[in-house]
């Protein structure tokens, strides 16, 4: 295995992750193996993103929206604001103000699945 190649770094990251219980700091681990801390951390991050190990699934909570009785809570013409509504495969419906733009709305919908 070539030192500095992908296999080297992935094995090093796996070794570190397997031994996390011993409490060795990343800085000390990197020094013990003779690698730069910044490079080691970048491989830790890369591996976590590839495996989804540190990725937390978005948590959606039910929300009940009620109309406010406060006179300043609604803007003039609020009912006339153009909206885009989407229904996800799960059945959840999401509504966006059309002014947000298609790119942002598409990104949010992709993330919601």
N, C-alpha and C. Protein backbone atom coordinates (compact mmCIF):
# COMPACT_ATOMS: atom_id res chain seq x y z
N UNK A 1 0.85 -1.18 0.00
CA UNK A 1 0.00 0.00 0.00
C UNK A 1 0.90 1.24 0.00
N UNK A 2 0.64 2.11 -0.93
CA UNK A 2 1.44 3.32 -1.09
C UNK A 2 1.08 4.32 0.01
N UNK A 3 2.11 4.81 0.71
CA UNK A 3 1.87 5.80 1.76
C UNK A 3 1.39 7.09 1.11
N UNK A 4 0.30 7.60 1.59
CA UNK A 4 -0.26 8.82 1.05
C UNK A 4 -1.35 8.57 0.03
N UNK A 5 -1.51 7.34 -0.42
CA UNK A 5 -2.58 7.02 -1.36
C UNK A 5 -3.91 6.86 -0.64
N UNK A 6 -4.96 6.72 -1.42
CA UNK A 6 -6.31 6.60 -0.87
C UNK A 6 -6.43 5.44 0.13
N UNK A 7 -5.89 4.29 -0.23
CA UNK A 7 -5.97 3.12 0.65
C UNK A 7 -5.27 3.38 1.99
N UNK A 8 -4.11 4.05 1.91
CA UNK A 8 -3.37 4.39 3.13
C UNK A 8 -4.23 5.24 4.06
N UNK A 9 -4.82 6.32 3.50
CA UNK A 9 -5.59 7.24 4.33
C UNK A 9 -6.86 6.59 4.88
N UNK A 10 -7.52 5.79 4.06
CA UNK A 10 -8.75 5.13 4.54
C UNK A 10 -8.43 4.15 5.66
N UNK A 11 -7.31 3.42 5.53
CA UNK A 11 -6.92 2.51 6.61
C UNK A 11 -6.56 3.27 7.88
N UNK A 12 -5.89 4.39 7.72
CA UNK A 12 -5.53 5.21 8.88
C UNK A 12 -6.78 5.75 9.58
N UNK A 13 -7.72 6.21 8.80
CA UNK A 13 -8.98 6.72 9.36
C UNK A 13 -9.74 5.60 10.07
N UNK A 14 -9.79 4.44 9.46
CA UNK A 14 -10.47 3.29 10.10
C UNK A 14 -9.80 2.92 11.42
N UNK A 15 -8.48 2.96 11.43
CA UNK A 15 -7.73 2.65 12.67
C UNK A 15 -8.08 3.67 13.75
N UNK A 16 -8.12 4.94 13.37
CA UNK A 16 -8.46 5.98 14.35
C UNK A 16 -9.89 5.79 14.86
N UNK A 17 -10.82 5.54 13.95
CA UNK A 17 -12.22 5.38 14.36
C UNK A 17 -12.41 4.16 15.25
N UNK A 18 -11.68 3.09 14.96
CA UNK A 18 -11.79 1.88 15.77
C UNK A 18 -11.26 2.10 17.18
N UNK A 19 -10.26 3.00 17.33
CA UNK A 19 -9.66 3.23 18.64
C UNK A 19 -10.16 4.47 19.34
N UNK A 20 -11.25 5.05 18.90
CA UNK A 20 -11.74 6.29 19.52
C UNK A 20 -12.00 6.13 21.00
N UNK A 21 -12.29 4.92 21.42
CA UNK A 21 -12.58 4.69 22.82
C UNK A 21 -11.40 4.96 23.73
N UNK A 22 -10.18 4.95 23.20
CA UNK A 22 -9.03 5.19 24.07
C UNK A 22 -8.78 6.67 24.32
N UNK A 23 -9.55 7.53 23.66
CA UNK A 23 -9.49 8.96 23.94
C UNK A 23 -8.29 9.70 23.38
N UNK A 24 -7.57 9.10 22.45
CA UNK A 24 -6.40 9.77 21.88
C UNK A 24 -6.85 10.93 20.99
N UNK A 25 -6.34 12.12 21.23
CA UNK A 25 -6.71 13.27 20.39
C UNK A 25 -6.21 13.09 18.95
N UNK A 26 -6.91 13.71 18.01
CA UNK A 26 -6.52 13.63 16.61
C UNK A 26 -5.09 14.11 16.40
N UNK A 27 -4.74 15.18 17.07
CA UNK A 27 -3.39 15.75 16.92
C UNK A 27 -2.32 14.72 17.30
N UNK A 28 -2.53 14.04 18.40
CA UNK A 28 -1.57 13.05 18.89
C UNK A 28 -1.52 11.84 17.95
N UNK A 29 -2.69 11.40 17.49
CA UNK A 29 -2.76 10.26 16.57
C UNK A 29 -2.00 10.56 15.28
N UNK A 30 -2.24 11.76 14.71
CA UNK A 30 -1.57 12.15 13.48
C UNK A 30 -0.06 12.21 13.67
N UNK A 31 0.38 12.78 14.78
CA UNK A 31 1.82 12.88 15.06
C UNK A 31 2.44 11.50 15.21
N UNK A 32 1.75 10.61 15.88
CA UNK A 32 2.26 9.26 16.09
C UNK A 32 2.45 8.53 14.76
N UNK A 33 1.62 8.85 13.77
CA UNK A 33 1.71 8.20 12.46
C UNK A 33 2.50 9.03 11.45
N UNK A 34 3.01 10.18 11.90
CA UNK A 34 3.84 11.00 11.03
C UNK A 34 3.11 11.64 9.86
N UNK A 35 1.86 12.04 10.09
CA UNK A 35 1.08 12.69 9.03
C UNK A 35 0.64 14.07 9.50
N UNK A 36 0.38 14.95 8.54
CA UNK A 36 -0.08 16.28 8.89
C UNK A 36 -1.51 16.20 9.44
N UNK A 37 -1.75 16.93 10.51
CA UNK A 37 -3.06 16.93 11.14
C UNK A 37 -4.15 17.40 10.19
N UNK A 38 -3.89 18.46 9.43
CA UNK A 38 -4.91 18.99 8.52
C UNK A 38 -5.29 17.97 7.45
N UNK A 39 -4.30 17.24 6.93
CA UNK A 39 -4.59 16.22 5.92
C UNK A 39 -5.38 15.07 6.53
N UNK A 40 -4.98 14.67 7.73
CA UNK A 40 -5.70 13.60 8.42
C UNK A 40 -7.15 13.99 8.66
N UNK A 41 -7.37 15.23 9.11
CA UNK A 41 -8.74 15.69 9.36
C UNK A 41 -9.56 15.74 8.07
N UNK A 42 -8.92 16.13 6.97
CA UNK A 42 -9.66 16.18 5.71
C UNK A 42 -10.11 14.78 5.28
N UNK A 43 -9.27 13.78 5.55
CA UNK A 43 -9.66 12.41 5.22
C UNK A 43 -10.73 11.89 6.18
N UNK A 44 -10.68 12.30 7.43
CA UNK A 44 -11.76 11.94 8.37
C UNK A 44 -13.09 12.48 7.86
N UNK A 45 -13.07 13.74 7.47
CA UNK A 45 -14.29 14.38 6.97
C UNK A 45 -14.77 13.69 5.69
N UNK A 46 -13.83 13.45 4.77
CA UNK A 46 -14.19 12.83 3.50
C UNK A 46 -14.83 11.47 3.72
N UNK A 47 -14.25 10.68 4.60
CA UNK A 47 -14.80 9.33 4.87
C UNK A 47 -16.17 9.43 5.50
N UNK A 48 -16.36 10.37 6.42
CA UNK A 48 -17.66 10.49 7.06
C UNK A 48 -18.72 10.90 6.04
N UNK A 49 -18.36 11.75 5.07
CA UNK A 49 -19.32 12.17 4.04
C UNK A 49 -19.63 11.02 3.10
N UNK A 50 -18.62 10.21 2.75
CA UNK A 50 -18.84 9.08 1.85
C UNK A 50 -19.72 8.03 2.49
N UNK A 51 -19.47 7.75 3.75
CA UNK A 51 -20.22 6.70 4.45
C UNK A 51 -21.51 7.22 5.05
N UNK A 52 -21.61 8.53 5.18
CA UNK A 52 -22.79 9.09 5.84
C UNK A 52 -22.74 8.85 7.33
N UNK A 53 -21.55 8.53 7.86
CA UNK A 53 -21.43 8.20 9.27
C UNK A 53 -21.83 9.34 10.18
N UNK A 54 -21.43 10.57 9.83
CA UNK A 54 -21.75 11.70 10.68
C UNK A 54 -22.96 12.49 10.18
N UNK A 55 -23.55 12.02 9.10
CA UNK A 55 -24.67 12.74 8.52
C UNK A 55 -25.93 12.43 9.31
N UNK A 56 -26.58 13.45 9.74
CA UNK A 56 -27.80 13.28 10.51
C UNK A 56 -28.97 13.52 9.57
N UNK A 57 -29.90 12.57 9.55
CA UNK A 57 -31.07 12.73 8.70
C UNK A 57 -31.90 13.90 9.20
N UNK A 58 -32.45 14.67 8.28
CA UNK A 58 -33.27 15.79 8.74
C UNK A 58 -34.45 15.29 9.53
N UNK A 59 -34.77 16.00 10.57
CA UNK A 59 -35.87 15.60 11.43
C UNK A 59 -37.01 16.58 11.22
N UNK A 60 -38.12 16.08 10.75
CA UNK A 60 -39.27 16.92 10.50
C UNK A 60 -40.30 16.70 11.59
N UNK A 61 -40.80 17.76 12.10
CA UNK A 61 -41.81 17.69 13.14
C UNK A 61 -43.11 18.27 12.61
N UNK A 62 -44.23 17.71 13.04
CA UNK A 62 -45.50 18.27 12.60
C UNK A 62 -45.68 19.67 13.18
N UNK A 63 -46.18 20.56 12.37
CA UNK A 63 -46.39 21.94 12.79
C UNK A 63 -47.82 22.32 12.46
N UNK A 64 -48.47 22.95 13.39
CA UNK A 64 -49.83 23.43 13.15
C UNK A 64 -49.75 24.95 13.06
N UNK A 65 -50.16 25.47 11.93
CA UNK A 65 -50.10 26.91 11.71
C UNK A 65 -51.49 27.48 11.89
N UNK A 66 -51.57 28.51 12.71
CA UNK A 66 -52.86 29.16 12.92
C UNK A 66 -52.76 30.63 12.54
N UNK A 67 -53.87 31.18 12.13
CA UNK A 67 -53.89 32.59 11.75
C UNK A 67 -53.74 33.44 13.00
N UNK A 68 -52.98 34.50 12.86
CA UNK A 68 -52.78 35.41 13.98
C UNK A 68 -53.91 36.42 14.01
N UNK A 69 -54.28 36.80 15.22
CA UNK A 69 -55.31 37.84 15.36
C UNK A 69 -54.68 39.21 15.49
N UNK A 70 -53.35 39.25 15.57
CA UNK A 70 -52.65 40.54 15.68
C UNK A 70 -52.82 41.30 14.37
N UNK A 71 -53.18 42.57 14.43
CA UNK A 71 -53.42 43.32 13.19
C UNK A 71 -52.18 43.50 12.32
N UNK A 72 -50.99 43.46 12.89
CA UNK A 72 -49.78 43.66 12.09
C UNK A 72 -49.14 42.35 11.66
N UNK A 73 -49.75 41.23 12.01
CA UNK A 73 -49.15 39.94 11.69
C UNK A 73 -49.21 39.62 10.21
N UNK A 74 -50.19 40.15 9.53
CA UNK A 74 -50.33 39.88 8.10
C UNK A 74 -49.97 41.11 7.29
N UNK A 75 -49.29 40.89 6.21
CA UNK A 75 -48.95 42.00 5.34
C UNK A 75 -50.10 42.24 4.38
N UNK A 76 -50.18 43.43 3.89
CA UNK A 76 -51.21 43.75 2.91
C UNK A 76 -51.01 42.87 1.68
N UNK A 77 -52.09 42.33 1.17
CA UNK A 77 -52.03 41.54 -0.06
C UNK A 77 -51.40 40.17 0.12
N UNK A 78 -51.28 39.69 1.34
CA UNK A 78 -50.63 38.40 1.59
C UNK A 78 -51.34 37.27 0.87
N UNK A 79 -52.65 37.36 0.76
CA UNK A 79 -53.41 36.30 0.11
C UNK A 79 -53.10 36.23 -1.38
N UNK A 80 -52.59 37.33 -1.94
CA UNK A 80 -52.31 37.38 -3.37
C UNK A 80 -50.91 36.90 -3.72
N UNK A 81 -50.10 36.50 -2.73
CA UNK A 81 -48.72 36.07 -2.98
C UNK A 81 -48.76 34.73 -3.72
N UNK A 82 -48.03 34.65 -4.83
CA UNK A 82 -47.97 33.41 -5.60
C UNK A 82 -47.24 32.35 -4.80
N UNK A 83 -47.75 31.13 -4.86
CA UNK A 83 -47.15 30.05 -4.10
C UNK A 83 -46.97 28.82 -4.98
N UNK A 84 -45.98 28.02 -4.62
CA UNK A 84 -45.74 26.74 -5.28
C UNK A 84 -45.91 25.67 -4.22
N UNK A 85 -46.75 24.70 -4.51
CA UNK A 85 -46.98 23.61 -3.55
C UNK A 85 -46.50 22.32 -4.18
N UNK A 86 -45.80 21.52 -3.39
CA UNK A 86 -45.29 20.23 -3.87
C UNK A 86 -45.68 19.14 -2.90
N UNK A 87 -45.99 17.98 -3.46
CA UNK A 87 -46.29 16.82 -2.61
C UNK A 87 -45.17 15.82 -2.80
N UNK A 88 -44.53 15.45 -1.70
CA UNK A 88 -43.42 14.49 -1.73
C UNK A 88 -43.96 13.08 -1.82
N UNK A 89 -43.14 12.12 -2.22
CA UNK A 89 -43.58 10.72 -2.30
C UNK A 89 -44.16 10.22 -0.97
N UNK A 90 -43.71 10.78 0.14
CA UNK A 90 -44.21 10.36 1.46
C UNK A 90 -45.61 10.87 1.73
N UNK A 91 -46.09 11.78 0.85
CA UNK A 91 -47.41 12.36 1.06
C UNK A 91 -47.36 13.73 1.72
N UNK A 92 -46.21 14.12 2.20
CA UNK A 92 -46.07 15.42 2.84
C UNK A 92 -46.19 16.51 1.78
N UNK A 93 -46.90 17.57 2.11
CA UNK A 93 -47.05 18.71 1.21
C UNK A 93 -46.25 19.87 1.75
N UNK A 94 -45.58 20.55 0.82
CA UNK A 94 -44.75 21.69 1.18
C UNK A 94 -45.15 22.85 0.29
N UNK A 95 -45.28 24.03 0.87
CA UNK A 95 -45.64 25.21 0.10
C UNK A 95 -44.55 26.26 0.25
N UNK A 96 -44.19 26.85 -0.89
CA UNK A 96 -43.15 27.88 -0.94
C UNK A 96 -43.70 29.12 -1.61
N UNK A 97 -43.20 30.27 -1.21
CA UNK A 97 -43.49 31.50 -1.94
C UNK A 97 -42.75 31.40 -3.27
N UNK A 98 -43.43 31.66 -4.35
CA UNK A 98 -42.83 31.54 -5.67
C UNK A 98 -41.62 32.46 -5.83
N UNK A 99 -41.60 33.53 -5.07
CA UNK A 99 -40.49 34.48 -5.17
C UNK A 99 -39.16 33.87 -4.71
N UNK A 100 -39.18 32.73 -4.04
CA UNK A 100 -37.93 32.10 -3.60
C UNK A 100 -37.09 31.65 -4.78
N UNK A 101 -37.71 31.34 -5.87
CA UNK A 101 -36.97 30.91 -7.05
C UNK A 101 -36.93 29.40 -7.18
N UNK A 102 -36.99 28.95 -8.42
CA UNK A 102 -37.08 27.51 -8.70
C UNK A 102 -35.85 26.74 -8.22
N UNK A 103 -34.67 27.33 -8.33
CA UNK A 103 -33.45 26.62 -7.94
C UNK A 103 -33.43 26.31 -6.44
N UNK A 104 -33.78 27.29 -5.62
CA UNK A 104 -33.82 27.08 -4.18
C UNK A 104 -34.90 26.06 -3.80
N UNK A 105 -36.05 26.19 -4.39
CA UNK A 105 -37.16 25.27 -4.10
C UNK A 105 -36.77 23.85 -4.49
N UNK A 106 -36.16 23.68 -5.67
CA UNK A 106 -35.74 22.35 -6.12
C UNK A 106 -34.70 21.75 -5.17
N UNK A 107 -33.78 22.58 -4.67
CA UNK A 107 -32.76 22.10 -3.74
C UNK A 107 -33.40 21.61 -2.44
N UNK A 108 -34.34 22.38 -1.92
CA UNK A 108 -35.02 21.99 -0.67
C UNK A 108 -35.79 20.68 -0.89
N UNK A 109 -36.49 20.56 -2.01
CA UNK A 109 -37.25 19.34 -2.28
C UNK A 109 -36.35 18.12 -2.42
N UNK A 110 -35.18 18.31 -3.07
CA UNK A 110 -34.22 17.20 -3.17
C UNK A 110 -33.78 16.74 -1.79
N UNK A 111 -33.51 17.70 -0.92
CA UNK A 111 -33.03 17.36 0.43
C UNK A 111 -34.11 16.69 1.27
N UNK A 112 -35.35 17.05 1.03
CA UNK A 112 -36.45 16.44 1.78
C UNK A 112 -36.76 15.04 1.26
N UNK A 113 -36.35 14.75 0.04
CA UNK A 113 -36.53 13.42 -0.52
C UNK A 113 -37.86 13.29 -1.15
